[in-house]
Protein backbone atom coordinates (compact mmCIF):
# COMPACT_ATOMS: atom_id res chain seq x y z
CA MET A 1 105.44 92.34 114.77
CA ASP A 2 103.51 94.11 117.54
CA THR A 3 104.43 97.78 118.03
CA LEU A 4 105.67 97.26 121.58
CA GLU A 5 107.76 94.16 120.75
CA ARG A 6 110.24 95.54 118.21
CA PRO A 7 113.60 97.07 119.23
CA ALA A 8 113.43 100.81 119.86
CA THR A 9 115.13 103.11 117.35
CA VAL A 10 117.89 104.98 119.16
CA THR A 11 121.10 106.46 117.82
CA GLN A 12 124.48 105.01 118.72
CA THR A 13 125.15 108.08 120.86
CA GLN A 14 121.86 107.59 122.72
CA ARG A 15 122.58 103.88 123.13
CA THR A 16 125.95 104.68 124.72
CA GLU A 17 124.32 107.23 127.03
CA ILE A 18 121.61 104.75 128.03
CA GLU A 19 124.17 102.08 128.89
CA ALA A 20 126.09 104.58 131.02
CA GLN A 21 122.91 105.63 132.81
CA ARG A 22 121.90 102.02 133.39
CA GLN A 23 125.28 101.21 134.94
CA ALA A 24 125.27 104.14 137.37
CA THR A 25 123.76 103.66 140.85
CA HIS A 26 123.06 106.20 143.59
CA GLU A 27 122.46 105.77 147.29
CA THR A 28 119.22 107.45 148.35
CA ARG A 29 116.78 107.83 151.23
CA ARG A 30 113.95 108.46 148.80
CA ALA A 31 111.19 105.94 148.28
CA THR A 32 111.94 103.82 145.22
CA VAL A 33 109.93 101.29 143.24
CA PRO A 34 111.93 98.19 142.20
CA ALA A 35 109.97 97.77 138.95
CA MET A 36 110.70 101.38 138.01
CA GLU A 37 114.36 101.07 138.91
CA ALA A 38 114.56 98.14 136.47
CA LEU A 39 112.74 100.20 133.83
CA LEU A 40 114.77 103.42 134.17
CA TYR A 41 116.26 104.79 130.93
CA GLN A 42 115.23 101.79 128.82
CA PRO A 43 113.43 102.75 125.57
CA ILE A 44 109.97 101.24 125.14
CA PRO A 45 109.38 101.06 121.36
CA VAL A 46 106.32 102.77 119.89
CA LEU A 47 105.34 103.02 116.19
CA ASP A 48 108.11 102.42 113.63
CA HIS A 49 110.89 104.65 115.02
CA GLY A 50 109.50 106.09 118.26
CA PHE A 51 109.92 105.27 121.91
CA VAL A 52 109.09 106.30 125.47
CA ARG A 53 111.54 105.90 128.32
CA VAL A 54 111.47 106.81 132.01
CA ILE A 55 114.16 109.32 132.97
CA ASP A 56 113.11 109.97 136.58
CA TYR A 57 110.17 109.60 138.94
CA MET A 58 109.18 110.85 142.38
CA GLY A 59 106.87 109.10 144.81
CA ASP A 60 104.85 105.90 144.80
CA ASP A 61 101.48 104.64 146.03
CA ALA A 62 102.59 105.26 149.61
CA ALA A 63 103.28 108.92 148.75
CA VAL A 64 99.65 109.31 147.67
CA VAL A 65 98.48 107.80 150.97
CA GLN A 66 100.95 109.87 152.96
CA ALA A 67 99.77 113.10 151.32
CA ALA A 68 96.13 112.22 151.92
CA ARG A 69 96.80 111.62 155.62
CA VAL A 70 99.45 114.38 155.92
CA SER A 71 101.52 112.05 158.07
CA TYR A 72 105.19 111.19 158.54
CA GLY A 73 104.59 107.55 157.69
CA ALA A 74 105.00 105.95 154.30
CA GLY A 75 101.51 104.54 154.18
CA THR A 76 100.03 101.91 156.45
CA LYS A 77 101.39 98.48 157.16
CA LYS A 78 98.49 96.88 155.33
CA ILE A 79 98.32 97.11 151.55
CA ARG A 80 94.57 96.56 151.77
CA GLU A 81 94.14 99.73 153.81
CA ASP A 82 96.27 101.79 151.42
CA ALA A 83 94.33 100.39 148.46
CA GLY A 84 91.05 101.27 150.17
CA LEU A 85 92.12 104.87 150.70
CA ILE A 86 93.41 105.24 147.14
CA ASN A 87 90.14 103.80 145.83
CA TYR A 88 88.24 106.33 147.94
CA LEU A 89 90.35 109.21 146.63
CA MET A 90 89.87 108.10 143.04
CA ARG A 91 86.16 107.44 143.45
CA HIS A 92 85.46 110.84 145.02
CA ARG A 93 87.89 112.73 142.78
CA HIS A 94 90.14 113.95 145.58
CA THR A 95 92.94 114.73 143.18
CA SER A 96 95.59 116.65 145.13
CA PRO A 97 97.24 113.57 146.76
CA PHE A 98 97.94 112.19 143.27
CA GLU A 99 99.70 115.45 142.40
CA MET A 100 102.43 114.55 144.90
CA CYS A 101 103.89 112.00 142.47
CA GLU A 102 105.72 113.03 139.30
CA ILE A 103 107.38 111.33 136.36
CA LYS A 104 109.79 112.55 133.67
CA LEU A 105 109.73 110.82 130.29
CA HIS A 106 111.86 111.02 127.18
CA ALA A 107 109.58 110.50 124.19
CA LYS A 108 110.26 110.32 120.46
CA MET A 109 107.25 110.73 118.21
CA PRO A 110 106.16 112.07 114.79
CA ILE A 111 105.75 115.84 114.76
CA PHE A 112 101.99 115.59 114.11
CA VAL A 113 101.63 113.42 117.22
CA ALA A 114 103.64 115.93 119.25
CA ARG A 115 101.35 118.75 118.12
CA GLU A 116 98.34 116.81 119.38
CA TRP A 117 100.11 115.75 122.57
CA VAL A 118 101.17 119.29 123.49
CA ARG A 119 97.54 120.37 123.73
CA HIS A 120 97.69 118.96 127.27
CA ARG A 121 99.06 122.11 128.87
CA VAL A 122 99.59 120.63 132.33
CA ALA A 123 103.15 119.35 131.90
CA ASN A 124 106.67 120.73 131.55
CA LEU A 125 108.47 119.90 128.33
CA ASN A 126 111.60 120.68 126.41
CA GLU A 127 111.66 119.68 122.74
CA ILE A 128 114.67 119.22 120.47
CA SER A 129 115.21 122.38 118.44
CA ALA A 130 115.75 122.12 114.70
CA ARG A 131 117.17 125.66 114.88
CA PHE A 132 120.25 124.16 116.54
CA SER A 133 120.18 120.47 115.59
CA ILE A 134 119.75 118.61 112.32
CA LEU A 135 116.78 116.29 112.58
CA ASP A 136 117.29 112.59 111.91
CA ASN A 137 116.21 111.13 108.60
CA GLU A 138 113.41 109.20 110.28
CA PHE A 139 109.77 109.54 109.33
CA TYR A 140 106.61 107.66 110.23
CA LEU A 141 104.91 105.39 107.73
CA PRO A 142 101.61 103.89 108.92
CA ALA A 143 101.13 100.15 108.80
CA PRO A 144 98.71 99.25 105.96
CA GLU A 145 95.98 98.36 108.44
CA GLN A 146 96.11 101.91 109.81
CA LEU A 147 95.33 103.55 106.47
CA GLY A 148 91.72 104.39 107.11
CA ALA A 149 89.52 106.48 104.85
CA GLN A 150 87.89 109.61 106.23
CA SER A 151 84.97 108.65 108.47
CA ARG A 152 81.58 109.68 107.13
CA SER A 153 80.18 110.20 110.63
CA ASN A 154 83.18 111.65 112.48
CA ARG A 155 85.12 114.58 111.03
CA GLN A 156 88.20 113.76 113.11
CA GLY A 157 88.18 109.99 112.74
CA ARG A 158 88.88 107.14 110.34
CA GLY A 159 86.49 104.87 108.52
CA GLU A 160 87.07 101.75 106.47
CA THR A 161 90.65 100.66 105.79
CA LEU A 162 92.07 101.36 102.36
CA THR A 163 93.13 98.24 100.47
CA GLY A 164 94.97 97.07 97.37
CA THR A 165 96.41 99.58 94.94
CA GLU A 166 94.87 102.52 96.79
CA SER A 167 96.69 101.60 100.02
CA ALA A 168 99.95 100.92 98.18
CA ARG A 169 99.76 104.28 96.40
CA VAL A 170 99.24 106.19 99.66
CA LEU A 171 102.30 104.55 101.21
CA GLU A 172 104.29 105.26 98.06
CA ILE A 173 103.35 108.95 98.18
CA LEU A 174 104.18 109.26 101.87
CA ARG A 175 107.58 107.62 101.44
CA GLU A 176 108.54 109.49 98.28
CA ASP A 177 107.51 112.88 99.67
CA ALA A 178 109.40 112.31 102.92
CA GLU A 179 112.56 111.08 101.17
CA ARG A 180 112.49 113.97 98.72
CA GLY A 181 111.82 116.46 101.51
CA TYR A 182 114.78 115.25 103.55
CA ALA A 183 117.09 115.23 100.52
CA HIS A 184 116.16 118.85 99.83
CA TYR A 185 116.54 119.65 103.56
CA GLU A 186 120.14 118.39 103.46
CA GLU A 187 120.75 120.18 100.18
CA MET A 188 119.59 123.50 101.60
CA LEU A 189 121.61 122.99 104.78
CA ASN A 190 124.64 121.92 102.76
CA GLU A 191 125.51 119.56 105.61
CA ASN A 192 124.44 116.12 106.78
CA ILE A 193 123.37 114.91 110.19
CA ALA A 194 126.99 114.47 111.27
CA GLY A 195 127.54 118.17 110.60
CA GLU A 196 129.79 117.54 107.59
CA THR A 197 129.73 120.13 104.80
CA LEU A 198 128.49 118.60 101.55
CA ASP A 199 129.85 121.24 99.18
CA PRO A 200 132.65 123.48 100.53
CA ALA A 201 131.95 125.98 97.75
CA LYS A 202 128.43 126.70 98.98
CA SER A 203 126.93 128.40 102.02
CA GLY A 204 124.12 126.47 103.61
CA LEU A 205 120.70 127.89 104.47
CA ALA A 206 120.11 128.55 108.16
CA ARG A 207 118.78 125.51 110.01
CA GLU A 208 115.84 127.51 111.34
CA LEU A 209 114.70 128.06 107.74
CA ALA A 210 115.62 124.72 106.16
CA ARG A 211 113.51 122.84 108.73
CA MET A 212 110.26 124.20 107.32
CA ASN A 213 110.59 121.88 104.33
CA LEU A 214 110.13 118.75 106.48
CA SER A 215 106.68 117.19 106.73
CA VAL A 216 104.97 116.47 110.04
CA ASN A 217 105.58 112.73 109.82
CA PHE A 218 109.25 113.31 110.68
CA TYR A 219 110.24 112.44 114.23
CA THR A 220 110.88 114.90 117.02
CA GLN A 221 111.87 114.27 120.65
CA TRP A 222 111.25 115.86 124.02
CA TYR A 223 111.54 115.50 127.75
CA TRP A 224 108.09 115.62 129.37
CA LYS A 225 107.46 115.94 133.13
CA ILE A 226 104.01 115.67 134.64
CA ASP A 227 102.34 114.87 137.96
CA LEU A 228 100.34 111.69 138.41
CA HIS A 229 96.90 113.36 138.56
CA ASN A 230 97.35 115.16 135.26
CA LEU A 231 99.01 112.11 133.71
CA LEU A 232 95.94 110.01 134.52
CA HIS A 233 93.74 112.64 132.88
CA PHE A 234 95.95 112.51 129.77
CA LEU A 235 95.76 108.71 129.73
CA GLY A 236 92.00 108.70 130.22
CA LEU A 237 91.61 110.75 127.04
CA ARG A 238 94.38 109.29 124.89
CA THR A 239 93.88 105.57 125.61
CA ASP A 240 90.23 105.88 124.66
CA PRO A 241 89.44 103.80 121.54
CA ARG A 242 88.20 106.99 119.86
CA ALA A 243 91.60 108.69 120.22
CA GLN A 244 93.86 108.81 117.17
CA TYR A 245 95.81 105.56 116.88
CA GLU A 246 99.23 107.22 116.63
CA ILE A 247 98.92 108.97 120.00
CA ARG A 248 96.94 106.12 121.56
CA VAL A 249 99.85 103.70 121.27
CA TYR A 250 102.07 106.13 123.20
CA ALA A 251 99.39 106.44 125.88
CA ASP A 252 99.09 102.64 126.04
CA ALA A 253 102.84 102.36 126.60
CA ILE A 254 102.77 105.01 129.34
CA LEU A 255 99.79 103.33 131.01
CA GLU A 256 101.90 100.18 131.35
CA VAL A 257 104.62 102.29 133.00
CA VAL A 258 102.05 103.64 135.46
CA LYS A 259 101.04 100.06 136.28
CA GLN A 260 104.66 99.31 137.23
CA TRP A 261 105.10 102.59 139.11
CA VAL A 262 101.91 102.87 141.21
CA PRO A 263 100.01 99.57 140.95
CA LEU A 264 97.35 100.48 143.53
CA THR A 265 96.62 103.79 141.82
CA HIS A 266 96.61 102.07 138.43
CA ALA A 267 94.04 99.53 139.66
CA ALA A 268 91.82 102.30 141.04
CA PHE A 269 92.16 104.27 137.81
CA MET A 270 91.16 101.28 135.69
CA ASP A 271 88.17 100.61 137.94
CA TYR A 272 86.82 104.09 138.61
CA ARG A 273 87.85 105.90 135.43
CA MET A 274 88.59 103.62 132.49
CA GLY A 275 86.06 100.97 133.43
CA ALA A 276 83.37 103.34 134.66
CA TYR A 277 80.58 105.35 133.07
CA GLU A 278 79.52 108.72 134.45
CA LEU A 279 75.77 109.32 134.53
CA SER A 280 74.12 112.68 134.10
CA ALA A 281 71.16 113.56 136.30
CA LYS A 282 68.82 112.58 133.45
CA GLY A 283 70.72 109.35 132.88
CA LEU A 284 70.52 108.44 136.56
CA ALA A 285 66.78 109.10 136.52
CA VAL A 286 66.41 106.73 133.55
CA VAL A 287 68.34 103.97 135.33
CA ARG A 288 66.22 104.35 138.46
CA ARG A 289 63.02 104.12 136.42
CA LEU A 290 64.31 101.02 134.62
CA LEU A 291 65.16 99.41 137.97
CA ARG A 292 61.56 100.03 139.05
CA GLY A 293 60.43 98.11 135.99
CA GLU A 294 59.10 101.14 134.11
CA GLN A 295 59.18 101.45 130.33
CA VAL A 296 61.31 104.42 129.32
CA ASP A 297 61.84 105.86 125.84
CA ARG A 298 64.13 108.62 124.70
CA GLU A 299 61.38 111.18 124.22
CA GLY A 300 60.28 110.70 127.81
CA SER A 301 63.80 110.84 129.19
CA GLY A 302 64.65 114.38 128.09
CA MET A 303 67.98 113.14 126.74
CA SER A 304 69.49 113.94 123.36
CA PRO A 305 69.70 111.11 120.78
CA GLY A 306 73.46 110.86 121.27
CA GLU A 307 73.22 110.71 125.08
CA TRP A 308 70.43 108.14 124.89
CA ARG A 309 72.38 105.95 122.49
CA GLU A 310 75.50 106.03 124.68
CA LEU A 311 73.47 105.16 127.78
CA MET A 312 71.68 102.27 126.12
CA GLU A 313 74.99 100.91 124.74
CA THR A 314 76.51 101.08 128.22
CA LEU A 315 73.51 99.29 129.72
CA GLU A 316 73.61 96.78 126.82
CA ARG A 317 69.95 97.43 126.02
C-alpha cells in the first residue's frame, strides 16, 4: 500500500478531538480557501505510524498579491493577472509577500526525522515532552525496499538495497531492539501509557530519565508553524530526490497541502524553483558558447568536475 493511502495512526482520544474539531464551524471575515477548509484537522498518513494535519492557516494567493501591491483589495479580478504577479515575485525572489501567509501543522514523525527537520530554524514549534507524558509504543520500521546499504560515493546517502536474509535480519534487529527498549521503559517507569501503576510495591523512575532508553525510531509529535516563504525553502530542500526518504515523504505530503492552499504560488514554485536550474556565471558562459556553436570542454570552462557534470546532465549532453 502506498504511504499516503493507508489510514493515519491516531489515538482514540485524538480521533475524538478531530471529530469535534471537524464538526465545529466559525463565522469569519477572513479569507478562506475551500480546499483547506475541507482538509482542516484531517490526518494525512505518512510512513507506518506518522501523519501531518493542518491545524490552522492564514492567507491565500490573494494575500500574496495584496501584500505585493500594498492595497486594500484581495487581489485583482483576473486570476491571470494575479498569477503573472506571483510568477514575477517567485522568478525575481521577492520573498516578503510570501511571508504574509502562514500555516500551522500537527506532525507525528520518528524522533530521528524530527531531529533532521528541526534544523530548519525558521519556524515555531512545540514538541510533546516525554518529561511529562509517556510516549506511545509506536516505532518506525522501514519498508524492505528502503533498507539501503551505505553509499560508497555519498557519506550521507544510501546505496544498493539490502535483500534476502540480510534485509530480514536488519528488520528483526530493529523490531526486537525497539520492543525490548519499550518494555524496559515501562518497567523503569513502573506505569503504562494509561498512567496505571504496574507494581504498587515499587517506585518508578522519573519520566525524564526513563525516556533516554528509547531509540530514535520511536515516534514524537509537534505543532509546527511557519510562513509560506520559509515553508517553500524547506520543501525545496526536503522534496529533493537526494533528501533522506523518511523526511522526504513528509515534505511530499506538505507540498500537496500547499497545492490545495495556494495553487498559484504552488505552480510558480514548481516552475521557477523545483523545475528550474540555477546557473553560475561560469555555467552561463558555457551555455552561451554552446549556443554560438563553439566546442567547450571542462578544462576550458573553469568549472569543477562536479559543477561540469551537473551542468551537462541538466543540458542532457
